[in-house]
Amino acid sequence: MNRELVRTDRLSLTRPSVDDLDRYVELLGDYEVCKMLSRVPYPYDREQGRVSLLKAQDSWRDVEKATELSFQIGHEGEMIGCFVFKKLQETPEIGYWLGRAYWGRGFMSEAVRAAMAWLFENTDHTRIACEAMTDNPASITVAEKVGFRKAGDVGCESVARGATVPAVRMEITRDEFFRGL
């Protein structure tokens, strides 16, 4: 099965593979990355990562029934990050991360824009949401760049921090997204 789903000028968005476990362990071995994520522990647990990747691979077998879909972000043949659409049977929520070496280069805005286009073009969803911790201005900036607007303040669990932290919920409709392209 071809893993590539979307190609942009600089990036390749692919289905996840357990073959990339070592790269996940490397990139998620950084507390500065993990502390901004809701479901990722620190230190990153290799076996838990393997189970998570197997589950993520399996979700692609029946996209219509999937509750979430994960994508790997590749640049120049190397996995540099990941994003997931959660709550696919409701209003999908996108979550995303990059390895620290790739921050500040516009990769995530490019990946999220392409991922949102893929979701809207391949499903009947009319809205996408995201939640970003308020102490993560880079994530909020990515969401704003691709057209998300603030819907409210929420609390977001951070497994790595062992706490619920303040966050902002943002949303965008299909029409808003395509008008902004």
N, C-alpha and C. Protein backbone atom coordinates (compact mmCIF):
# COMPACT_ATOMS: atom_id res chain seq x y z
N MET A 1 0.84 -1.17 0.00
CA MET A 1 0.00 0.00 0.00
C MET A 1 0.89 1.25 0.00
N ASN A 2 0.58 2.18 -0.89
CA ASN A 2 1.31 3.44 -0.93
C ASN A 2 0.97 4.25 0.31
N ARG A 3 1.96 4.66 1.06
CA ARG A 3 1.72 5.40 2.30
C ARG A 3 1.46 6.87 2.06
N GLU A 4 1.93 7.42 0.94
CA GLU A 4 1.79 8.86 0.72
C GLU A 4 0.34 9.22 0.41
N LEU A 5 -0.15 10.25 1.11
CA LEU A 5 -1.51 10.73 0.92
C LEU A 5 -1.53 12.09 0.25
N VAL A 6 -0.59 12.95 0.62
CA VAL A 6 -0.55 14.32 0.12
C VAL A 6 0.91 14.73 -0.04
N ARG A 7 1.18 15.49 -1.09
CA ARG A 7 2.51 16.07 -1.27
C ARG A 7 2.33 17.58 -1.43
N THR A 8 3.18 18.33 -0.73
CA THR A 8 3.22 19.78 -0.87
C THR A 8 4.57 20.13 -1.50
N ASP A 9 4.87 21.42 -1.58
CA ASP A 9 6.16 21.82 -2.15
C ASP A 9 7.33 21.19 -1.41
N ARG A 10 7.24 21.13 -0.07
CA ARG A 10 8.38 20.65 0.72
C ARG A 10 8.11 19.38 1.51
N LEU A 11 6.85 18.98 1.62
CA LEU A 11 6.49 17.92 2.56
C LEU A 11 5.74 16.78 1.90
N SER A 12 5.81 15.65 2.57
CA SER A 12 5.03 14.48 2.20
C SER A 12 4.23 14.06 3.43
N LEU A 13 2.92 13.93 3.28
CA LEU A 13 2.06 13.48 4.37
C LEU A 13 1.70 12.03 4.09
N THR A 14 2.06 11.15 5.02
CA THR A 14 1.92 9.72 4.80
C THR A 14 1.16 9.05 5.93
N ARG A 15 0.68 7.84 5.64
CA ARG A 15 0.11 7.01 6.69
C ARG A 15 1.24 6.64 7.65
N PRO A 16 0.92 6.48 8.93
CA PRO A 16 1.96 6.11 9.89
C PRO A 16 2.42 4.67 9.69
N SER A 17 3.63 4.40 10.16
CA SER A 17 4.18 3.05 10.08
C SER A 17 5.00 2.75 11.33
N VAL A 18 4.82 1.56 11.86
CA VAL A 18 5.60 1.14 13.02
C VAL A 18 7.08 1.06 12.66
N ASP A 19 7.40 1.01 11.38
CA ASP A 19 8.80 1.02 10.95
C ASP A 19 9.51 2.31 11.37
N ASP A 20 8.74 3.35 11.67
CA ASP A 20 9.31 4.63 12.06
C ASP A 20 9.39 4.82 13.57
N LEU A 21 9.21 3.75 14.33
CA LEU A 21 9.21 3.85 15.79
C LEU A 21 10.48 4.50 16.32
N ASP A 22 11.64 4.13 15.81
CA ASP A 22 12.89 4.72 16.31
C ASP A 22 12.88 6.24 16.14
N ARG A 23 12.35 6.72 15.04
CA ARG A 23 12.31 8.16 14.80
C ARG A 23 11.33 8.83 15.77
N TYR A 24 10.19 8.19 16.04
CA TYR A 24 9.26 8.73 17.03
C TYR A 24 9.95 8.84 18.39
N VAL A 25 10.63 7.77 18.78
CA VAL A 25 11.33 7.76 20.08
C VAL A 25 12.35 8.90 20.13
N GLU A 26 13.08 9.10 19.04
CA GLU A 26 14.07 10.17 18.99
C GLU A 26 13.42 11.55 19.13
N LEU A 27 12.41 11.82 18.32
CA LEU A 27 11.79 13.16 18.32
C LEU A 27 10.97 13.42 19.58
N LEU A 28 10.30 12.40 20.10
CA LEU A 28 9.47 12.58 21.29
C LEU A 28 10.26 12.36 22.58
N GLY A 29 11.56 12.17 22.46
CA GLY A 29 12.43 12.10 23.62
C GLY A 29 12.80 13.49 24.12
N ASP A 30 12.14 14.50 23.64
CA ASP A 30 12.40 15.91 23.97
C ASP A 30 11.23 16.45 24.78
N TYR A 31 11.48 16.79 26.03
CA TYR A 31 10.41 17.30 26.90
C TYR A 31 9.75 18.54 26.33
N GLU A 32 10.52 19.39 25.65
CA GLU A 32 9.95 20.62 25.08
C GLU A 32 8.89 20.31 24.03
N VAL A 33 8.99 19.19 23.36
CA VAL A 33 7.95 18.75 22.42
C VAL A 33 6.79 18.13 23.19
N CYS A 34 7.08 17.17 24.05
CA CYS A 34 6.04 16.42 24.76
C CYS A 34 5.16 17.28 25.66
N LYS A 35 5.73 18.29 26.29
CA LYS A 35 4.95 19.08 27.25
C LYS A 35 3.82 19.86 26.58
N MET A 36 3.88 20.04 25.28
CA MET A 36 2.83 20.77 24.56
C MET A 36 1.78 19.85 23.96
N LEU A 37 1.90 18.54 24.22
CA LEU A 37 0.97 17.56 23.66
C LEU A 37 0.07 17.02 24.76
N SER A 38 -1.14 16.66 24.39
CA SER A 38 -2.09 16.19 25.40
C SER A 38 -1.85 14.73 25.80
N ARG A 39 -1.59 13.85 24.86
CA ARG A 39 -1.61 12.42 25.16
C ARG A 39 -0.25 11.75 25.19
N VAL A 40 0.82 12.49 25.04
CA VAL A 40 2.15 11.88 24.94
C VAL A 40 2.88 12.01 26.28
N PRO A 41 3.31 10.89 26.86
CA PRO A 41 4.02 10.94 28.13
C PRO A 41 5.48 11.34 27.93
N TYR A 42 6.08 11.78 29.02
CA TYR A 42 7.52 12.00 29.04
C TYR A 42 8.06 11.37 30.31
N PRO A 43 9.08 10.56 30.23
CA PRO A 43 9.75 10.19 28.99
C PRO A 43 8.84 9.34 28.11
N TYR A 44 9.08 9.44 26.80
CA TYR A 44 8.28 8.70 25.83
C TYR A 44 8.55 7.22 25.99
N ASP A 45 7.50 6.43 26.09
CA ASP A 45 7.61 5.00 26.32
C ASP A 45 7.62 4.25 24.98
N ARG A 46 8.71 3.58 24.69
CA ARG A 46 8.89 2.90 23.40
C ARG A 46 7.79 1.88 23.13
N GLU A 47 7.45 1.05 24.10
CA GLU A 47 6.43 0.02 23.88
C GLU A 47 5.06 0.66 23.69
N GLN A 48 4.76 1.67 24.46
CA GLN A 48 3.49 2.38 24.27
C GLN A 48 3.46 3.01 22.88
N GLY A 49 4.59 3.53 22.43
CA GLY A 49 4.69 4.09 21.09
C GLY A 49 4.44 3.06 20.01
N ARG A 50 4.99 1.86 20.20
CA ARG A 50 4.78 0.78 19.23
C ARG A 50 3.30 0.43 19.13
N VAL A 51 2.65 0.29 20.28
CA VAL A 51 1.22 -0.04 20.31
C VAL A 51 0.41 1.08 19.65
N SER A 52 0.77 2.31 19.95
CA SER A 52 0.08 3.47 19.36
C SER A 52 0.23 3.50 17.84
N LEU A 53 1.44 3.24 17.36
CA LEU A 53 1.67 3.23 15.91
C LEU A 53 0.92 2.09 15.22
N LEU A 54 0.87 0.92 15.84
CA LEU A 54 0.11 -0.19 15.27
C LEU A 54 -1.37 0.16 15.17
N LYS A 55 -1.89 0.79 16.22
CA LYS A 55 -3.29 1.22 16.22
C LYS A 55 -3.51 2.28 15.13
N ALA A 56 -2.58 3.21 15.00
CA ALA A 56 -2.69 4.26 13.98
C ALA A 56 -2.67 3.67 12.58
N GLN A 57 -1.79 2.70 12.35
CA GLN A 57 -1.75 2.00 11.05
C GLN A 57 -3.08 1.33 10.76
N ASP A 58 -3.62 0.65 11.77
CA ASP A 58 -4.85 -0.12 11.62
C ASP A 58 -6.05 0.78 11.31
N SER A 59 -6.06 2.00 11.82
CA SER A 59 -7.20 2.89 11.60
C SER A 59 -7.41 3.20 10.13
N TRP A 60 -6.36 3.09 9.32
CA TRP A 60 -6.46 3.36 7.89
C TRP A 60 -7.14 2.23 7.11
N ARG A 61 -7.36 1.09 7.75
CA ARG A 61 -8.01 -0.04 7.06
C ARG A 61 -9.46 0.27 6.71
N ASP A 62 -10.14 1.07 7.55
CA ASP A 62 -11.54 1.44 7.29
C ASP A 62 -11.73 2.89 7.72
N VAL A 63 -11.40 3.79 6.83
CA VAL A 63 -11.41 5.22 7.13
C VAL A 63 -12.79 5.69 7.56
N GLU A 64 -13.85 5.16 6.96
CA GLU A 64 -15.20 5.60 7.30
C GLU A 64 -15.59 5.29 8.73
N LYS A 65 -15.03 4.23 9.30
CA LYS A 65 -15.35 3.85 10.68
C LYS A 65 -14.31 4.34 11.68
N ALA A 66 -13.23 4.89 11.20
CA ALA A 66 -12.14 5.32 12.09
C ALA A 66 -12.60 6.44 13.01
N THR A 67 -12.13 6.41 14.25
CA THR A 67 -12.39 7.50 15.18
C THR A 67 -11.28 8.54 15.13
N GLU A 68 -10.12 8.12 14.63
CA GLU A 68 -9.03 9.07 14.41
C GLU A 68 -8.11 8.56 13.31
N LEU A 69 -7.44 9.51 12.66
CA LEU A 69 -6.48 9.19 11.60
C LEU A 69 -5.21 9.99 11.84
N SER A 70 -4.09 9.30 11.84
CA SER A 70 -2.79 9.94 12.02
C SER A 70 -2.04 10.01 10.70
N PHE A 71 -1.26 11.06 10.56
CA PHE A 71 -0.42 11.27 9.39
C PHE A 71 0.99 11.58 9.88
N GLN A 72 1.98 11.07 9.18
CA GLN A 72 3.37 11.47 9.44
C GLN A 72 3.73 12.58 8.48
N ILE A 73 4.57 13.48 8.94
CA ILE A 73 5.05 14.59 8.12
C ILE A 73 6.49 14.27 7.75
N GLY A 74 6.75 14.20 6.45
CA GLY A 74 8.10 13.92 5.97
C GLY A 74 8.69 15.10 5.23
N HIS A 75 10.00 15.27 5.38
CA HIS A 75 10.75 16.31 4.67
C HIS A 75 12.07 15.70 4.24
N GLU A 76 12.34 15.78 2.95
CA GLU A 76 13.58 15.25 2.38
C GLU A 76 13.82 13.80 2.81
N GLY A 77 12.74 13.00 2.79
CA GLY A 77 12.84 11.58 3.08
C GLY A 77 12.90 11.20 4.55
N GLU A 78 12.74 12.17 5.44
CA GLU A 78 12.83 11.89 6.87
C GLU A 78 11.56 12.34 7.58
N MET A 79 11.05 11.50 8.50
CA MET A 79 9.89 11.86 9.28
C MET A 79 10.29 12.96 10.27
N ILE A 80 9.54 14.09 10.25
CA ILE A 80 9.89 15.23 11.11
C ILE A 80 8.81 15.56 12.13
N GLY A 81 7.65 14.93 12.01
CA GLY A 81 6.56 15.21 12.93
C GLY A 81 5.33 14.42 12.56
N CYS A 82 4.24 14.80 13.18
CA CYS A 82 3.01 14.03 13.03
C CYS A 82 1.81 14.92 13.31
N PHE A 83 0.68 14.54 12.79
CA PHE A 83 -0.57 15.15 13.23
C PHE A 83 -1.65 14.09 13.19
N VAL A 84 -2.74 14.36 13.91
CA VAL A 84 -3.84 13.42 14.01
C VAL A 84 -5.15 14.19 13.95
N PHE A 85 -6.11 13.61 13.26
CA PHE A 85 -7.49 14.07 13.35
C PHE A 85 -8.18 13.14 14.33
N LYS A 86 -8.60 13.68 15.49
CA LYS A 86 -9.33 12.92 16.51
C LYS A 86 -10.82 13.22 16.36
N LYS A 87 -11.64 12.39 17.02
CA LYS A 87 -13.09 12.60 17.08
C LYS A 87 -13.72 12.67 15.69
N LEU A 88 -13.32 11.77 14.82
CA LEU A 88 -13.83 11.79 13.44
C LEU A 88 -15.32 11.47 13.34
N GLN A 89 -15.90 10.89 14.36
CA GLN A 89 -17.34 10.61 14.32
C GLN A 89 -18.14 11.79 14.87
N GLU A 90 -17.44 12.87 15.23
CA GLU A 90 -18.07 14.09 15.73
C GLU A 90 -17.50 15.24 14.91
N THR A 91 -17.15 16.35 15.60
CA THR A 91 -16.40 17.43 14.95
C THR A 91 -14.93 17.07 15.09
N PRO A 92 -14.24 16.81 13.99
CA PRO A 92 -12.83 16.41 14.08
C PRO A 92 -11.99 17.50 14.75
N GLU A 93 -11.01 17.05 15.54
CA GLU A 93 -10.02 17.95 16.14
C GLU A 93 -8.66 17.55 15.60
N ILE A 94 -7.89 18.54 15.18
CA ILE A 94 -6.54 18.26 14.70
C ILE A 94 -5.55 18.59 15.82
N GLY A 95 -4.60 17.69 16.01
CA GLY A 95 -3.48 17.92 16.91
C GLY A 95 -2.20 17.68 16.14
N TYR A 96 -1.14 18.41 16.47
CA TYR A 96 0.08 18.31 15.66
C TYR A 96 1.33 18.59 16.48
N TRP A 97 2.46 18.03 15.98
CA TRP A 97 3.76 18.29 16.60
C TRP A 97 4.87 18.10 15.58
N LEU A 98 5.97 18.78 15.83
CA LEU A 98 7.20 18.66 15.03
C LEU A 98 8.37 18.44 15.97
N GLY A 99 9.37 17.71 15.50
CA GLY A 99 10.63 17.65 16.23
C GLY A 99 11.21 19.05 16.34
N ARG A 100 11.86 19.33 17.45
CA ARG A 100 12.33 20.69 17.73
C ARG A 100 13.25 21.25 16.63
N ALA A 101 14.05 20.43 16.00
CA ALA A 101 14.97 20.90 14.95
C ALA A 101 14.22 21.50 13.76
N TYR A 102 12.91 21.26 13.67
CA TYR A 102 12.12 21.70 12.52
C TYR A 102 11.19 22.86 12.85
N TRP A 103 11.26 23.37 14.07
CA TRP A 103 10.42 24.49 14.48
C TRP A 103 10.84 25.77 13.74
N GLY A 104 9.88 26.65 13.53
CA GLY A 104 10.17 27.98 13.01
C GLY A 104 10.50 28.05 11.52
N ARG A 105 10.17 27.01 10.78
CA ARG A 105 10.50 26.98 9.34
C ARG A 105 9.26 26.92 8.46
N GLY A 106 8.07 27.07 9.07
CA GLY A 106 6.83 27.07 8.30
C GLY A 106 6.32 25.69 7.91
N PHE A 107 6.99 24.64 8.38
CA PHE A 107 6.57 23.28 8.01
C PHE A 107 5.17 22.95 8.52
N MET A 108 4.88 23.32 9.77
CA MET A 108 3.59 22.91 10.32
C MET A 108 2.43 23.63 9.66
N SER A 109 2.56 24.90 9.37
CA SER A 109 1.48 25.61 8.67
C SER A 109 1.21 24.95 7.33
N GLU A 110 2.27 24.60 6.63
CA GLU A 110 2.15 23.94 5.32
C GLU A 110 1.47 22.57 5.46
N ALA A 111 1.86 21.81 6.47
CA ALA A 111 1.29 20.48 6.68
C ALA A 111 -0.17 20.55 7.10
N VAL A 112 -0.48 21.45 8.03
CA VAL A 112 -1.86 21.56 8.53
C VAL A 112 -2.79 22.02 7.41
N ARG A 113 -2.37 22.98 6.63
CA ARG A 113 -3.19 23.45 5.51
C ARG A 113 -3.48 22.29 4.54
N ALA A 114 -2.47 21.51 4.22
CA ALA A 114 -2.65 20.37 3.31
C ALA A 114 -3.53 19.30 3.93
N ALA A 115 -3.36 19.06 5.22
CA ALA A 115 -4.16 18.05 5.91
C ALA A 115 -5.63 18.44 5.97
N MET A 116 -5.89 19.71 6.25
CA MET A 116 -7.27 20.17 6.30
C MET A 116 -7.93 20.07 4.93
N ALA A 117 -7.20 20.43 3.89
CA ALA A 117 -7.74 20.29 2.53
C ALA A 117 -8.07 18.82 2.26
N TRP A 118 -7.17 17.91 2.65
CA TRP A 118 -7.41 16.48 2.46
C TRP A 118 -8.68 16.06 3.18
N LEU A 119 -8.85 16.46 4.45
CA LEU A 119 -10.02 16.04 5.22
C LEU A 119 -11.30 16.57 4.59
N PHE A 120 -11.32 17.85 4.26
CA PHE A 120 -12.53 18.42 3.67
C PHE A 120 -12.84 17.83 2.29
N GLU A 121 -11.82 17.49 1.53
CA GLU A 121 -12.04 16.93 0.19
C GLU A 121 -12.42 15.45 0.22
N ASN A 122 -12.09 14.75 1.31
CA ASN A 122 -12.31 13.30 1.36
C ASN A 122 -13.37 12.85 2.36
N THR A 123 -14.01 13.79 3.04
CA THR A 123 -15.07 13.44 4.00
C THR A 123 -16.20 14.45 3.87
N ASP A 124 -17.27 14.20 4.61
CA ASP A 124 -18.41 15.11 4.64
C ASP A 124 -18.33 16.12 5.78
N HIS A 125 -17.23 16.15 6.50
CA HIS A 125 -17.13 17.08 7.64
C HIS A 125 -17.22 18.52 7.16
N THR A 126 -17.88 19.33 7.98
CA THR A 126 -18.06 20.75 7.63
C THR A 126 -17.33 21.68 8.59
N ARG A 127 -16.67 21.12 9.60
CA ARG A 127 -15.98 21.93 10.60
C ARG A 127 -14.81 21.12 11.16
N ILE A 128 -13.73 21.80 11.49
CA ILE A 128 -12.58 21.19 12.17
C ILE A 128 -12.25 22.08 13.37
N ALA A 129 -11.87 21.46 14.47
CA ALA A 129 -11.47 22.20 15.66
C ALA A 129 -10.03 21.87 16.01
N CYS A 130 -9.43 22.71 16.83
CA CYS A 130 -8.13 22.41 17.42
C CYS A 130 -8.08 23.06 18.79
N GLU A 131 -7.24 22.52 19.64
CA GLU A 131 -7.00 23.10 20.95
C GLU A 131 -5.50 23.27 21.11
N ALA A 132 -5.10 24.45 21.55
CA ALA A 132 -3.68 24.74 21.75
C ALA A 132 -3.49 25.31 23.15
N MET A 133 -2.49 24.81 23.83
CA MET A 133 -2.18 25.32 25.17
C MET A 133 -1.75 26.78 25.05
N THR A 134 -2.23 27.59 25.98
CA THR A 134 -1.97 29.03 25.88
C THR A 134 -0.49 29.38 26.01
N ASP A 135 0.31 28.49 26.60
CA ASP A 135 1.75 28.75 26.69
C ASP A 135 2.49 28.18 25.48
N ASN A 136 1.75 27.90 24.40
CA ASN A 136 2.34 27.42 23.15
C ASN A 136 1.94 28.37 22.02
N PRO A 137 2.50 29.58 22.01
CA PRO A 137 2.10 30.56 20.99
C PRO A 137 2.38 30.10 19.57
N ALA A 138 3.37 29.25 19.36
CA ALA A 138 3.66 28.77 18.00
C ALA A 138 2.50 27.95 17.46
N SER A 139 1.89 27.13 18.29
CA SER A 139 0.76 26.32 17.86
C SER A 139 -0.46 27.19 17.55
N ILE A 140 -0.67 28.19 18.38
CA ILE A 140 -1.78 29.12 18.15
C ILE A 140 -1.55 29.88 16.85
N THR A 141 -0.32 30.29 16.59
CA THR A 141 0.01 31.00 15.35
C THR A 141 -0.25 30.12 14.13
N VAL A 142 0.14 28.85 14.20
CA VAL A 142 -0.13 27.93 13.09
C VAL A 142 -1.64 27.88 12.82
N ALA A 143 -2.43 27.71 13.87
CA ALA A 143 -3.88 27.63 13.71
C ALA A 143 -4.44 28.90 13.08
N GLU A 144 -3.98 30.04 13.55
CA GLU A 144 -4.46 31.32 13.00
C GLU A 144 -4.05 31.48 11.54
N LYS A 145 -2.83 31.07 11.20
CA LYS A 145 -2.35 31.20 9.81
C LYS A 145 -3.22 30.43 8.82
N VAL A 146 -3.75 29.29 9.25
CA VAL A 146 -4.56 28.49 8.33
C VAL A 146 -6.05 28.81 8.44
N GLY A 147 -6.40 29.80 9.26
CA GLY A 147 -7.77 30.30 9.28
C GLY A 147 -8.63 29.95 10.48
N PHE A 148 -8.10 29.22 11.45
CA PHE A 148 -8.89 28.94 12.65
C PHE A 148 -9.19 30.24 13.38
N ARG A 149 -10.36 30.30 14.03
CA ARG A 149 -10.71 31.44 14.86
C ARG A 149 -11.09 30.93 16.25
N LYS A 150 -10.86 31.76 17.24
CA LYS A 150 -11.10 31.36 18.63
C LYS A 150 -12.58 31.08 18.87
N ALA A 151 -12.84 29.95 19.53
CA ALA A 151 -14.20 29.57 19.89
C ALA A 151 -14.40 29.61 21.41
N GLY A 152 -13.30 29.58 22.18
CA GLY A 152 -13.44 29.62 23.63
C GLY A 152 -12.18 29.18 24.34
N ASP A 153 -12.21 29.35 25.65
CA ASP A 153 -11.11 28.92 26.51
C ASP A 153 -11.48 27.57 27.12
N VAL A 154 -10.51 26.67 27.19
CA VAL A 154 -10.73 25.33 27.71
C VAL A 154 -9.52 24.92 28.55
N GLY A 155 -9.63 23.77 29.17
CA GLY A 155 -8.49 23.14 29.83
C GLY A 155 -8.05 21.97 28.98
N CYS A 156 -6.76 21.75 28.90
CA CYS A 156 -6.22 20.67 28.07
C CYS A 156 -5.28 19.82 28.93
N GLU A 157 -5.54 18.53 28.97
CA GLU A 157 -4.69 17.63 29.73
C GLU A 157 -3.33 17.52 29.05
N SER A 158 -2.28 17.53 29.85
CA SER A 158 -0.93 17.26 29.37
C SER A 158 -0.39 16.10 30.19
N VAL A 159 -0.31 14.93 29.56
CA VAL A 159 0.20 13.75 30.26
C VAL A 159 1.64 13.98 30.70
N ALA A 160 2.46 14.60 29.85
CA ALA A 160 3.87 14.84 30.17
C ALA A 160 4.02 15.73 31.40
N ARG A 161 3.14 16.71 31.54
CA ARG A 161 3.21 17.62 32.69
C ARG A 161 2.46 17.07 33.90
N GLY A 162 1.58 16.10 33.66
CA GLY A 162 0.76 15.58 34.74
C GLY A 162 -0.23 16.60 35.24
N ALA A 163 -0.76 17.42 34.33
CA ALA A 163 -1.67 18.50 34.74
C ALA A 163 -2.59 18.88 33.59
N THR A 164 -3.67 19.55 33.96
CA THR A 164 -4.53 20.19 32.97
C THR A 164 -4.10 21.64 32.90
N VAL A 165 -3.86 22.12 31.70
CA VAL A 165 -3.33 23.48 31.52
C VAL A 165 -4.31 24.30 30.69
N PRO A 166 -4.27 25.64 30.85
CA PRO A 166 -5.16 26.50 30.06
C PRO A 166 -4.88 26.35 28.57
N ALA A 167 -5.95 26.36 27.80
CA ALA A 167 -5.84 26.22 26.35
C ALA A 167 -6.93 27.03 25.67
N VAL A 168 -6.77 27.23 24.40
CA VAL A 168 -7.78 27.91 23.59
C VAL A 168 -8.32 26.90 22.58
N ARG A 169 -9.64 26.90 22.42
CA ARG A 169 -10.27 26.07 21.38
C ARG A 169 -10.52 26.97 20.18
N MET A 170 -10.16 26.47 19.01
CA MET A 170 -10.33 27.22 17.77
C MET A 170 -11.07 26.33 16.78
N GLU A 171 -11.81 26.96 15.86
CA GLU A 171 -12.58 26.21 14.88
C GLU A 171 -12.52 26.90 13.52
N ILE A 172 -12.79 26.11 12.49
CA ILE A 172 -12.91 26.63 11.13
C ILE A 172 -13.93 25.77 10.39
N THR A 173 -14.73 26.41 9.55
CA THR A 173 -15.68 25.66 8.73
C THR A 173 -15.06 25.36 7.37
N ARG A 174 -15.66 24.42 6.68
CA ARG A 174 -15.22 24.08 5.33
C ARG A 174 -15.23 25.33 4.44
N ASP A 175 -16.34 26.09 4.48
CA ASP A 175 -16.45 27.28 3.64
C ASP A 175 -15.38 28.31 3.98
N GLU A 176 -15.14 28.54 5.28
CA GLU A 176 -14.10 29.49 5.68
C GLU A 176 -12.74 29.05 5.18
N PHE A 177 -12.47 27.76 5.29
CA PHE A 177 -11.17 27.24 4.85
C PHE A 177 -10.96 27.47 3.36
N PHE A 178 -11.92 27.08 2.54
CA PHE A 178 -11.74 27.19 1.10
C PHE A 178 -11.79 28.64 0.62
N ARG A 179 -12.50 29.52 1.32
CA ARG A 179 -12.46 30.95 0.98
C ARG A 179 -11.09 31.54 1.25
N GLY A 180 -10.39 31.00 2.27
CA GLY A 180 -9.09 31.53 2.65
C GLY A 180 -7.93 31.05 1.82
N LEU A 181 -8.14 30.04 0.97
CA LEU A 181 -7.03 29.50 0.16
C LEU A 181 -6.62 30.44 -0.95
